[in-house]
Amino acid sequence: MIEQVSEENLEEVLPLIRAYQEFYKVQGVCDEKNFKFFSRFTGSSELGRQFLFREEEKVVSFATVYFTYTSTITSKIAILNDLYTSPGSRGNGIGRKLIEHCRDFAKENGAARLQWVTSPDNEVAQKLYDSIDTGKSTWHFYTYNT
């Protein structure tokens, strides 16, 4: 079952956020910092939303959508910045359900598209993404730390 993350259930998502960050080898994961950061997406924030998937009363997956704009299509877009399912719950269609939910959420909120990136070696995720009616970009993703 998909729920919006709220102040009441954010604590249940934090262990998955930590696992997601550890999966991507983030250094210095901090639960307190995560709580503060992800609290921005509870309620009806214009910044975006976070959703969870509950299986038998346990939170097993989450997704985070941020809103921004792009000048190439002069539109509001939604970024699926995070998508994580606990290893024991993978392969059951949860990721697909969350992506579709996030796509609908983006559309309902005026975004022209939902887009995301993944690591080139995350072949499990790519298999899911390639099975959905999506376009795969050939653009290169760069970061410049400040």
C-alpha atoms as a PDB file:
ATOM      1  CA  MET A   1       0.000   0.000   0.000  1.00  0.00           C
ATOM      2  CA  ILE A   2       1.360   3.437  -0.957  1.00  0.00           C
ATOM      3  CA  GLU A   3       1.174   6.274   1.566  1.00  0.00           C
ATOM      4  CA  GLN A   4       2.494   9.792   1.590  1.00  0.00           C
ATOM      5  CA  VAL A   5       5.294  10.230   4.094  1.00  0.00           C
ATOM      6  CA  SER A   6       4.155  12.461   6.933  1.00  0.00           C
ATOM      7  CA  GLU A   7       5.512  13.715  10.224  1.00  0.00           C
ATOM      8  CA  GLU A   8       3.813  10.694  11.809  1.00  0.00           C
ATOM      9  CA  ASN A   9       5.516   8.011   9.691  1.00  0.00           C
ATOM     10  CA  LEU A  10       8.834   9.610   8.662  1.00  0.00           C
ATOM     11  CA  GLU A  11      10.676   7.734  11.439  1.00  0.00           C
ATOM     12  CA  GLU A  12       9.608   4.449   9.788  1.00  0.00           C
ATOM     13  CA  VAL A  13      11.252   5.469   6.490  1.00  0.00           C
ATOM     14  CA  LEU A  14      14.584   6.596   7.953  1.00  0.00           C
ATOM     15  CA  PRO A  15      16.145   3.084   8.103  1.00  0.00           C
ATOM     16  CA  LEU A  16      15.399   2.647   4.380  1.00  0.00           C
ATOM     17  CA  ILE A  17      16.844   6.072   3.589  1.00  0.00           C
ATOM     18  CA  ARG A  18      20.008   5.015   5.422  1.00  0.00           C
ATOM     19  CA  ALA A  19      20.108   1.704   3.503  1.00  0.00           C
ATOM     20  CA  TYR A  20      19.628   3.586   0.213  1.00  0.00           C
ATOM     21  CA  GLN A  21      22.500   5.939   1.020  1.00  0.00           C
ATOM     22  CA  GLU A  22      24.720   3.031   2.054  1.00  0.00           C
ATOM     23  CA  PHE A  23      23.824   1.234  -1.200  1.00  0.00           C
ATOM     24  CA  TYR A  24      25.209   4.263  -3.074  1.00  0.00           C
ATOM     25  CA  LYS A  25      28.232   4.378  -0.726  1.00  0.00           C
ATOM     26  CA  VAL A  26      27.414   7.773   0.784  1.00  0.00           C
ATOM     27  CA  GLN A  27      29.992   8.698   3.421  1.00  0.00           C
ATOM     28  CA  GLY A  28      28.904  10.006   6.817  1.00  0.00           C
ATOM     29  CA  VAL A  29      25.230   9.007   6.726  1.00  0.00           C
ATOM     30  CA  CYS A  30      23.467  10.903   9.518  1.00  0.00           C
ATOM     31  CA  ASP A  31      19.950   9.964  10.653  1.00  0.00           C
ATOM     32  CA  GLU A  32      19.438  13.359  12.300  1.00  0.00           C
ATOM     33  CA  LYS A  33      20.380  15.177   9.101  1.00  0.00           C
ATOM     34  CA  ASN A  34      18.130  12.820   7.103  1.00  0.00           C
ATOM     35  CA  PHE A  35      15.197  13.535   9.423  1.00  0.00           C
ATOM     36  CA  LYS A  36      15.661  17.273   9.074  1.00  0.00           C
ATOM     37  CA  PHE A  37      16.108  17.117   5.291  1.00  0.00           C
ATOM     38  CA  PHE A  38      13.239  14.745   4.493  1.00  0.00           C
ATOM     39  CA  SER A  39      10.852  16.588   6.838  1.00  0.00           C
ATOM     40  CA  ARG A  40      10.698  19.206   4.069  1.00  0.00           C
ATOM     41  CA  PHE A  41       8.650  16.798   1.942  1.00  0.00           C
ATOM     42  CA  THR A  42       5.943  15.932   4.464  1.00  0.00           C
ATOM     43  CA  GLY A  43       2.526  17.532   4.291  1.00  0.00           C
ATOM     44  CA  SER A  44       1.735  19.508   1.165  1.00  0.00           C
ATOM     45  CA  SER A  45       5.172  20.917   0.401  1.00  0.00           C
ATOM     46  CA  GLU A  46       5.580  22.636  -2.955  1.00  0.00           C
ATOM     47  CA  LEU A  47       9.159  21.296  -3.052  1.00  0.00           C
ATOM     48  CA  GLY A  48       7.945  17.759  -3.671  1.00  0.00           C
ATOM     49  CA  ARG A  49       6.760  14.690  -1.782  1.00  0.00           C
ATOM     50  CA  GLN A  50       7.962  11.433  -0.411  1.00  0.00           C
ATOM     51  CA  PHE A  51       5.977   8.213  -0.620  1.00  0.00           C
ATOM     52  CA  LEU A  52       6.352   4.881   1.120  1.00  0.00           C
ATOM     53  CA  PHE A  53       5.155   1.384   0.355  1.00  0.00           C
ATOM     54  CA  ARG A  54       3.906  -0.666   3.251  1.00  0.00           C
ATOM     55  CA  GLU A  55       3.797  -4.461   3.085  1.00  0.00           C
ATOM     56  CA  GLU A  56       2.093  -6.241   5.994  1.00  0.00           C
ATOM     57  CA  GLU A  57       2.358  -3.094   8.166  1.00  0.00           C
ATOM     58  CA  LYS A  58       6.105  -2.770   7.493  1.00  0.00           C
ATOM     59  CA  VAL A  59       7.642  -0.011   5.354  1.00  0.00           C
ATOM     60  CA  VAL A  60       9.661  -1.788   2.651  1.00  0.00           C
ATOM     61  CA  SER A  61      10.155   0.888  -0.012  1.00  0.00           C
ATOM     62  CA  PHE A  62      10.157   4.629  -0.594  1.00  0.00           C
ATOM     63  CA  ALA A  63      10.386   7.192  -3.365  1.00  0.00           C
ATOM     64  CA  THR A  64      11.088  10.917  -3.281  1.00  0.00           C
ATOM     65  CA  VAL A  65       9.954  13.405  -5.932  1.00  0.00           C
ATOM     66  CA  TYR A  66      11.373  16.938  -6.197  1.00  0.00           C
ATOM     67  CA  PHE A  67      10.009  19.669  -8.448  1.00  0.00           C
ATOM     68  CA  THR A  68      12.169  21.923 -10.575  1.00  0.00           C
ATOM     69  CA  TYR A  69      12.077  23.557 -14.006  1.00  0.00           C
ATOM     70  CA  THR A  70      13.884  23.091 -17.284  1.00  0.00           C
ATOM     71  CA  SER A  71      14.432  25.695 -19.945  1.00  0.00           C
ATOM     72  CA  THR A  72      14.795  23.138 -22.759  1.00  0.00           C
ATOM     73  CA  ILE A  73      11.055  22.451 -22.720  1.00  0.00           C
ATOM     74  CA  THR A  74      10.159  25.541 -20.650  1.00  0.00           C
ATOM     75  CA  SER A  75       8.201  23.479 -18.153  1.00  0.00           C
ATOM     76  CA  LYS A  76       7.985  22.306 -14.592  1.00  0.00           C
ATOM     77  CA  ILE A  77       9.423  18.805 -14.204  1.00  0.00           C
ATOM     78  CA  ALA A  78       9.523  16.223 -11.450  1.00  0.00           C
ATOM     79  CA  ILE A  79      12.714  14.471 -10.435  1.00  0.00           C
ATOM     80  CA  LEU A  80      12.393  10.981  -9.010  1.00  0.00           C
ATOM     81  CA  ASN A  81      15.454  11.491  -6.890  1.00  0.00           C
ATOM     82  CA  ASP A  82      15.167   8.430  -4.691  1.00  0.00           C
ATOM     83  CA  LEU A  83      13.669   4.989  -5.190  1.00  0.00           C
ATOM     84  CA  TYR A  84      14.603   2.148  -2.888  1.00  0.00           C
ATOM     85  CA  THR A  85      13.068  -1.197  -2.008  1.00  0.00           C
ATOM     86  CA  SER A  86      14.481  -3.401   0.729  1.00  0.00           C
ATOM     87  CA  PRO A  87      16.251  -6.438  -0.753  1.00  0.00           C
ATOM     88  CA  GLY A  88      13.752  -8.967   0.628  1.00  0.00           C
ATOM     89  CA  SER A  89      10.853  -7.201  -1.103  1.00  0.00           C
ATOM     90  CA  ARG A  90      12.410  -6.695  -4.538  1.00  0.00           C
ATOM     91  CA  GLY A  91      10.932  -8.387  -7.590  1.00  0.00           C
ATOM     92  CA  ASN A  92       7.340  -8.009  -6.405  1.00  0.00           C
ATOM     93  CA  GLY A  93       6.389  -4.973  -8.513  1.00  0.00           C
ATOM     94  CA  ILE A  94       6.735  -2.445  -5.688  1.00  0.00           C
ATOM     95  CA  GLY A  95       9.228  -0.240  -7.546  1.00  0.00           C
ATOM     96  CA  ARG A  96       6.972  -0.161 -10.596  1.00  0.00           C
ATOM     97  CA  LYS A  97       3.956   0.793  -8.452  1.00  0.00           C
ATOM     98  CA  LEU A  98       5.892   3.614  -6.809  1.00  0.00           C
ATOM     99  CA  ILE A  99       7.175   4.918 -10.158  1.00  0.00           C
ATOM    100  CA  GLU A 100       3.632   4.933 -11.574  1.00  0.00           C
ATOM    101  CA  HIS A 101       2.347   6.647  -8.436  1.00  0.00           C
ATOM    102  CA  CYS A 102       5.086   9.286  -8.708  1.00  0.00           C
ATOM    103  CA  ARG A 103       4.309   9.788 -12.420  1.00  0.00           C
ATOM    104  CA  ASP A 104       0.637  10.379 -11.591  1.00  0.00           C
ATOM    105  CA  PHE A 105       1.593  12.709  -8.737  1.00  0.00           C
ATOM    106  CA  ALA A 106       3.877  14.679 -11.068  1.00  0.00           C
ATOM    107  CA  LYS A 107       1.154  15.001 -13.695  1.00  0.00           C
ATOM    108  CA  GLU A 108      -1.456  16.071 -11.121  1.00  0.00           C
ATOM    109  CA  ASN A 109       0.943  18.792  -9.996  1.00  0.00           C
ATOM    110  CA  GLY A 110       1.598  20.214 -13.443  1.00  0.00           C
ATOM    111  CA  ALA A 111       4.923  18.580 -14.258  1.00  0.00           C
ATOM    112  CA  ALA A 112       5.574  17.864 -17.927  1.00  0.00           C
ATOM    113  CA  ARG A 113       7.593  14.761 -17.118  1.00  0.00           C
ATOM    114  CA  LEU A 114       9.085  12.587 -14.418  1.00  0.00           C
ATOM    115  CA  GLN A 115      12.788  11.886 -14.827  1.00  0.00           C
ATOM    116  CA  TRP A 116      15.560  10.138 -12.912  1.00  0.00           C
ATOM    117  CA  VAL A 117      19.088   8.805 -13.110  1.00  0.00           C
ATOM    118  CA  THR A 118      20.694   5.660 -11.801  1.00  0.00           C
ATOM    119  CA  SER A 119      24.176   4.299 -11.459  1.00  0.00           C
ATOM    120  CA  PRO A 120      25.510   2.554 -14.588  1.00  0.00           C
ATOM    121  CA  ASP A 121      26.191  -0.574 -12.526  1.00  0.00           C
ATOM    122  CA  ASN A 122      22.687  -0.722 -11.012  1.00  0.00           C
ATOM    123  CA  GLU A 123      21.533  -3.307 -13.530  1.00  0.00           C
ATOM    124  CA  VAL A 124      18.625  -4.544 -11.391  1.00  0.00           C
ATOM    125  CA  ALA A 125      17.066  -1.073 -11.399  1.00  0.00           C
ATOM    126  CA  GLN A 126      17.792  -0.600 -15.111  1.00  0.00           C
ATOM    127  CA  LYS A 127      15.954  -3.817 -15.891  1.00  0.00           C
ATOM    128  CA  LEU A 128      12.848  -2.363 -14.235  1.00  0.00           C
ATOM    129  CA  TYR A 129      13.253   1.039 -15.897  1.00  0.00           C
ATOM    130  CA  ASP A 130      13.755  -0.529 -19.324  1.00  0.00           C
ATOM    131  CA  SER A 131      10.537  -2.532 -18.889  1.00  0.00           C
ATOM    132  CA  ILE A 132       8.474   0.642 -18.434  1.00  0.00           C
ATOM    133  CA  ASP A 133       7.435   2.859 -21.340  1.00  0.00           C
ATOM    134  CA  THR A 134      10.244   5.358 -20.712  1.00  0.00           C
ATOM    135  CA  GLY A 135      12.841   7.114 -22.792  1.00  0.00           C
ATOM    136  CA  LYS A 136      16.470   6.444 -21.922  1.00  0.00           C
ATOM    137  CA  SER A 137      18.726   9.442 -22.166  1.00  0.00           C
ATOM    138  CA  THR A 138      22.150   9.512 -23.741  1.00  0.00           C
ATOM    139  CA  TRP A 139      23.067  12.654 -21.810  1.00  0.00           C
ATOM    140  CA  HIS A 140      25.957  12.573 -19.346  1.00  0.00           C
ATOM    141  CA  PHE A 141      25.292  13.472 -15.715  1.00  0.00           C
ATOM    142  CA  TYR A 142      27.868  15.761 -14.084  1.00  0.00           C
ATOM    143  CA  THR A 143      28.293  17.012 -10.532  1.00  0.00           C
ATOM    144  CA  TYR A 144      30.386  19.899  -9.300  1.00  0.00           C
ATOM    145  CA  ASN A 145      30.688  20.043  -5.509  1.00  0.00           C
ATOM    146  CA  THR A 146      30.583  23.436  -3.850  1.00  0.00           C
END
